[in-house]
Amino acid sequence: MWERIEQLVPKRERRFRYPGRLPVPDRRVLCGIMYVLHIDIQWEHLPKQLSFGSDMTCWHRLRDWNEAGVCQRLHEVLLTELHTASRLDWPHASSAPPTSGP
C-alpha cells in the first residue's frame, strides 16, 4: 500500500547549501500522523520513542500535504482500494465535504 501512497506525496528537494538534518522519511511521518488520529491524542503527546519524528514535524507535513491535495487524493485511493476488495460500506463513505445546514 505504501507504494501507492508514496506516489501521492510531493517530493522535497534536498538543500545542498546548509542542508541541516536529513528529513524524517515520509512513511514514518505518515505513521505518526495515523497514530495521532487513531489514538485520538494531541500532537504534543506523540511519543518520541516511536521514531515518527517530532509532533511539529508530523503536524507540518500533514498541513503541507493537505494544502497540496494529498489528503483528498489519499482518501480517494483508499476508497477505491476498499471498493475493489468489497470491503466498503458506501452509505458510510464519502469523499465530499459535509453539507452545512439542518
N, C-alpha and C. Protein backbone atom coordinates (compact mmCIF):
# COMPACT_ATOMS: atom_id res chain seq x y z
N MET A 1 0.82 -1.19 0.00
CA MET A 1 0.00 0.00 0.00
C MET A 1 0.87 1.26 0.00
N TRP A 2 2.02 1.21 0.70
CA TRP A 2 2.87 2.40 0.74
C TRP A 2 3.29 2.84 -0.66
N GLU A 3 3.50 1.90 -1.55
CA GLU A 3 3.91 2.25 -2.91
C GLU A 3 2.86 3.15 -3.58
N ARG A 4 1.58 2.89 -3.31
CA ARG A 4 0.50 3.73 -3.86
C ARG A 4 0.50 5.10 -3.21
N ILE A 5 0.67 5.12 -1.89
CA ILE A 5 0.64 6.38 -1.15
C ILE A 5 1.85 7.24 -1.50
N GLU A 6 3.00 6.63 -1.63
CA GLU A 6 4.24 7.36 -1.90
C GLU A 6 4.15 8.18 -3.19
N GLN A 7 3.41 7.68 -4.16
CA GLN A 7 3.24 8.39 -5.43
C GLN A 7 2.45 9.69 -5.27
N LEU A 8 1.65 9.78 -4.22
CA LEU A 8 0.82 10.97 -3.99
C LEU A 8 1.57 12.08 -3.27
N VAL A 9 2.61 11.71 -2.54
CA VAL A 9 3.34 12.67 -1.71
C VAL A 9 4.33 13.46 -2.56
N PRO A 10 4.27 14.80 -2.49
CA PRO A 10 5.22 15.60 -3.28
C PRO A 10 6.65 15.39 -2.82
N LYS A 11 7.55 15.34 -3.77
CA LYS A 11 8.98 15.17 -3.46
C LYS A 11 9.55 16.51 -2.99
N ARG A 12 10.35 16.46 -1.95
CA ARG A 12 11.02 17.66 -1.46
C ARG A 12 12.44 17.67 -1.97
N GLU A 13 12.87 18.80 -2.46
CA GLU A 13 14.24 18.95 -2.94
C GLU A 13 15.18 19.08 -1.75
N ARG A 14 16.28 18.39 -1.82
CA ARG A 14 17.30 18.46 -0.76
C ARG A 14 18.10 19.74 -0.94
N ARG A 15 18.28 20.46 0.15
CA ARG A 15 19.10 21.67 0.11
C ARG A 15 20.57 21.25 0.17
N PHE A 16 21.38 21.82 -0.68
CA PHE A 16 22.80 21.48 -0.68
C PHE A 16 23.63 22.49 0.09
N ARG A 17 23.17 23.71 0.14
CA ARG A 17 23.86 24.71 0.94
C ARG A 17 23.15 24.77 2.29
N TYR A 18 23.87 24.54 3.36
CA TYR A 18 23.30 24.47 4.71
C TYR A 18 22.16 23.45 4.76
N PRO A 19 22.45 22.22 4.45
CA PRO A 19 21.37 21.23 4.34
C PRO A 19 20.70 20.86 5.67
N GLY A 20 21.40 21.03 6.78
CA GLY A 20 20.80 20.66 8.06
C GLY A 20 20.65 19.16 8.19
N ARG A 21 19.74 18.76 9.06
CA ARG A 21 19.49 17.33 9.27
C ARG A 21 18.75 16.74 8.08
N LEU A 22 18.91 15.44 7.95
CA LEU A 22 18.11 14.73 6.94
C LEU A 22 16.65 14.75 7.40
N PRO A 23 15.71 14.95 6.49
CA PRO A 23 14.31 14.95 6.90
C PRO A 23 13.86 13.54 7.31
N VAL A 24 12.89 13.50 8.20
CA VAL A 24 12.29 12.22 8.59
C VAL A 24 11.58 11.66 7.36
N PRO A 25 11.77 10.37 7.07
CA PRO A 25 11.11 9.79 5.89
C PRO A 25 9.59 9.95 5.94
N ASP A 26 9.00 10.19 4.79
CA ASP A 26 7.56 10.41 4.69
C ASP A 26 6.75 9.26 5.27
N ARG A 27 7.22 8.05 5.06
CA ARG A 27 6.48 6.89 5.56
C ARG A 27 6.38 6.90 7.08
N ARG A 28 7.48 7.24 7.76
CA ARG A 28 7.45 7.31 9.22
C ARG A 28 6.55 8.45 9.69
N VAL A 29 6.61 9.58 8.99
CA VAL A 29 5.75 10.71 9.36
C VAL A 29 4.28 10.33 9.19
N LEU A 30 3.95 9.65 8.10
CA LEU A 30 2.57 9.22 7.88
C LEU A 30 2.12 8.30 9.01
N CYS A 31 3.00 7.41 9.45
CA CYS A 31 2.66 6.53 10.58
C CYS A 31 2.39 7.35 11.84
N GLY A 32 3.17 8.40 12.05
CA GLY A 32 2.95 9.28 13.20
C GLY A 32 1.61 10.00 13.11
N ILE A 33 1.29 10.49 11.93
CA ILE A 33 0.01 11.16 11.72
C ILE A 33 -1.14 10.19 11.98
N MET A 34 -1.04 8.99 11.42
CA MET A 34 -2.08 7.98 11.62
C MET A 34 -2.20 7.60 13.09
N TYR A 35 -1.07 7.53 13.80
CA TYR A 35 -1.08 7.20 15.22
C TYR A 35 -1.87 8.26 16.00
N VAL A 36 -1.56 9.53 15.75
CA VAL A 36 -2.25 10.62 16.45
C VAL A 36 -3.75 10.57 16.16
N LEU A 37 -4.12 10.36 14.91
CA LEU A 37 -5.54 10.34 14.54
C LEU A 37 -6.25 9.11 15.09
N HIS A 38 -5.58 7.97 15.07
CA HIS A 38 -6.20 6.72 15.54
C HIS A 38 -6.36 6.70 17.06
N ILE A 39 -5.30 7.09 17.76
CA ILE A 39 -5.33 7.07 19.23
C ILE A 39 -6.12 8.26 19.77
N ASP A 40 -6.31 9.29 18.93
CA ASP A 40 -7.04 10.50 19.30
C ASP A 40 -6.35 11.24 20.44
N ILE A 41 -5.07 11.57 20.18
CA ILE A 41 -4.29 12.33 21.16
C ILE A 41 -3.91 13.67 20.55
N GLN A 42 -3.45 14.58 21.39
CA GLN A 42 -2.96 15.86 20.89
C GLN A 42 -1.56 15.64 20.32
N TRP A 43 -1.18 16.50 19.39
CA TRP A 43 0.11 16.35 18.72
C TRP A 43 1.26 16.29 19.70
N GLU A 44 1.22 17.12 20.73
CA GLU A 44 2.35 17.17 21.67
C GLU A 44 2.49 15.89 22.49
N HIS A 45 1.50 15.01 22.44
CA HIS A 45 1.59 13.73 23.16
C HIS A 45 2.07 12.58 22.27
N LEU A 46 2.50 12.89 21.07
CA LEU A 46 3.05 11.86 20.19
C LEU A 46 4.35 11.35 20.80
N PRO A 47 4.43 10.05 21.14
CA PRO A 47 5.64 9.52 21.81
C PRO A 47 6.88 9.61 20.92
N LYS A 48 7.91 10.25 21.43
CA LYS A 48 9.17 10.39 20.67
C LYS A 48 9.87 9.05 20.47
N GLN A 49 9.69 8.13 21.41
CA GLN A 49 10.37 6.84 21.33
C GLN A 49 9.86 5.97 20.18
N LEU A 50 8.76 6.34 19.56
CA LEU A 50 8.24 5.57 18.42
C LEU A 50 8.89 5.97 17.10
N SER A 51 9.73 7.01 17.12
CA SER A 51 10.53 7.43 15.96
C SER A 51 9.69 7.86 14.75
N PHE A 52 8.56 8.50 15.00
CA PHE A 52 7.76 9.03 13.90
C PHE A 52 8.22 10.41 13.48
N GLY A 53 9.14 10.99 14.21
CA GLY A 53 9.50 12.38 14.05
C GLY A 53 8.82 13.17 15.15
N SER A 54 9.14 14.43 15.25
CA SER A 54 8.54 15.24 16.32
C SER A 54 7.08 15.53 16.01
N ASP A 55 6.39 15.98 17.04
CA ASP A 55 4.99 16.36 16.86
C ASP A 55 4.85 17.45 15.81
N MET A 56 5.77 18.42 15.83
CA MET A 56 5.70 19.52 14.86
C MET A 56 6.05 19.06 13.44
N THR A 57 6.98 18.11 13.33
CA THR A 57 7.30 17.56 12.01
C THR A 57 6.07 16.91 11.41
N CYS A 58 5.40 16.08 12.19
CA CYS A 58 4.19 15.40 11.70
C CYS A 58 3.10 16.40 11.37
N TRP A 59 2.91 17.39 12.24
CA TRP A 59 1.86 18.38 12.02
C TRP A 59 2.14 19.22 10.77
N HIS A 60 3.39 19.67 10.63
CA HIS A 60 3.75 20.48 9.45
C HIS A 60 3.60 19.68 8.16
N ARG A 61 4.03 18.42 8.19
CA ARG A 61 3.93 17.60 6.98
C ARG A 61 2.46 17.38 6.63
N LEU A 62 1.61 17.12 7.64
CA LEU A 62 0.18 16.96 7.38
C LEU A 62 -0.40 18.24 6.78
N ARG A 63 -0.03 19.39 7.33
CA ARG A 63 -0.50 20.67 6.80
C ARG A 63 -0.07 20.85 5.34
N ASP A 64 1.21 20.57 5.07
CA ASP A 64 1.73 20.73 3.71
C ASP A 64 1.05 19.77 2.74
N TRP A 65 0.88 18.52 3.16
CA TRP A 65 0.24 17.54 2.30
C TRP A 65 -1.22 17.91 2.04
N ASN A 66 -1.89 18.40 3.07
CA ASN A 66 -3.29 18.80 2.91
C ASN A 66 -3.40 19.95 1.92
N GLU A 67 -2.52 20.94 2.04
CA GLU A 67 -2.53 22.08 1.12
C GLU A 67 -2.22 21.65 -0.32
N ALA A 68 -1.42 20.59 -0.47
CA ALA A 68 -1.06 20.09 -1.80
C ALA A 68 -2.11 19.13 -2.37
N GLY A 69 -3.18 18.87 -1.62
CA GLY A 69 -4.24 17.99 -2.09
C GLY A 69 -3.96 16.51 -1.87
N VAL A 70 -2.91 16.19 -1.14
CA VAL A 70 -2.54 14.78 -0.92
C VAL A 70 -3.62 14.06 -0.12
N CYS A 71 -4.16 14.70 0.91
CA CYS A 71 -5.14 14.04 1.77
C CYS A 71 -6.39 13.64 0.99
N GLN A 72 -6.86 14.53 0.13
CA GLN A 72 -8.04 14.22 -0.68
C GLN A 72 -7.75 13.06 -1.64
N ARG A 73 -6.61 13.10 -2.30
CA ARG A 73 -6.25 12.01 -3.23
C ARG A 73 -6.05 10.70 -2.48
N LEU A 74 -5.45 10.76 -1.29
CA LEU A 74 -5.26 9.55 -0.48
C LEU A 74 -6.61 8.96 -0.09
N HIS A 75 -7.53 9.81 0.28
CA HIS A 75 -8.87 9.35 0.63
C HIS A 75 -9.51 8.63 -0.55
N GLU A 76 -9.39 9.20 -1.73
CA GLU A 76 -9.96 8.59 -2.93
C GLU A 76 -9.30 7.26 -3.25
N VAL A 77 -7.97 7.17 -3.09
CA VAL A 77 -7.26 5.91 -3.34
C VAL A 77 -7.72 4.84 -2.35
N LEU A 78 -7.85 5.20 -1.08
CA LEU A 78 -8.29 4.23 -0.08
C LEU A 78 -9.72 3.77 -0.35
N LEU A 79 -10.59 4.68 -0.74
CA LEU A 79 -11.96 4.28 -1.08
C LEU A 79 -11.97 3.31 -2.26
N THR A 80 -11.15 3.56 -3.26
CA THR A 80 -11.06 2.68 -4.42
C THR A 80 -10.54 1.31 -4.02
N GLU A 81 -9.48 1.28 -3.20
CA GLU A 81 -8.91 0.01 -2.75
C GLU A 81 -9.94 -0.80 -1.96
N LEU A 82 -10.65 -0.14 -1.06
CA LEU A 82 -11.66 -0.84 -0.27
C LEU A 82 -12.81 -1.33 -1.14
N HIS A 83 -13.22 -0.53 -2.10
CA HIS A 83 -14.29 -0.93 -3.00
C HIS A 83 -13.86 -2.15 -3.82
N THR A 84 -12.64 -2.13 -4.34
CA THR A 84 -12.12 -3.24 -5.13
C THR A 84 -12.09 -4.53 -4.30
N ALA A 85 -11.79 -4.40 -3.02
CA ALA A 85 -11.72 -5.57 -2.14
C ALA A 85 -13.09 -5.91 -1.55
N SER A 86 -14.15 -5.22 -1.99
CA SER A 86 -15.51 -5.42 -1.47
C SER A 86 -15.56 -5.27 0.04
N ARG A 87 -14.83 -4.30 0.55
CA ARG A 87 -14.77 -4.06 1.99
C ARG A 87 -15.31 -2.68 2.35
N LEU A 88 -16.10 -2.10 1.49
CA LEU A 88 -16.55 -0.73 1.70
C LEU A 88 -18.05 -0.67 1.85
N ASP A 89 -18.49 0.02 2.87
CA ASP A 89 -19.91 0.27 3.10
C ASP A 89 -20.21 1.66 2.54
N TRP A 90 -20.65 1.73 1.28
CA TRP A 90 -20.79 3.01 0.58
C TRP A 90 -21.69 4.02 1.28
N PRO A 91 -22.78 3.63 1.93
CA PRO A 91 -23.58 4.66 2.60
C PRO A 91 -22.81 5.43 3.69
N HIS A 92 -21.74 4.83 4.21
CA HIS A 92 -20.97 5.49 5.26
C HIS A 92 -19.66 6.07 4.75
N ALA A 93 -19.40 6.00 3.46
CA ALA A 93 -18.14 6.50 2.89
C ALA A 93 -18.44 7.62 1.91
N SER A 94 -17.65 8.68 2.00
CA SER A 94 -17.84 9.80 1.09
C SER A 94 -16.54 10.56 0.96
N SER A 95 -16.27 11.09 -0.23
CA SER A 95 -15.11 11.95 -0.41
C SER A 95 -15.54 13.41 -0.53
N ALA A 96 -16.84 13.65 -0.41
CA ALA A 96 -17.35 15.03 -0.48
C ALA A 96 -17.38 15.63 0.91
N PRO A 97 -17.15 16.94 1.02
CA PRO A 97 -17.23 17.57 2.33
C PRO A 97 -18.67 17.58 2.83
N PRO A 98 -18.85 17.63 4.15
CA PRO A 98 -20.22 17.64 4.67
C PRO A 98 -20.94 18.92 4.26
N THR A 99 -22.23 18.81 4.09
CA THR A 99 -23.02 19.99 3.75
C THR A 99 -23.40 20.71 5.03
N SER A 100 -23.59 22.01 4.93
CA SER A 100 -23.98 22.77 6.10
C SER A 100 -25.49 22.89 6.15
N GLY A 101 -25.97 23.27 7.28
CA GLY A 101 -27.41 23.45 7.43
C GLY A 101 -28.04 22.31 8.19
N PRO A 102 -29.34 22.38 8.39
CA PRO A 102 -30.04 21.35 9.20
C PRO A 102 -30.17 20.03 8.51
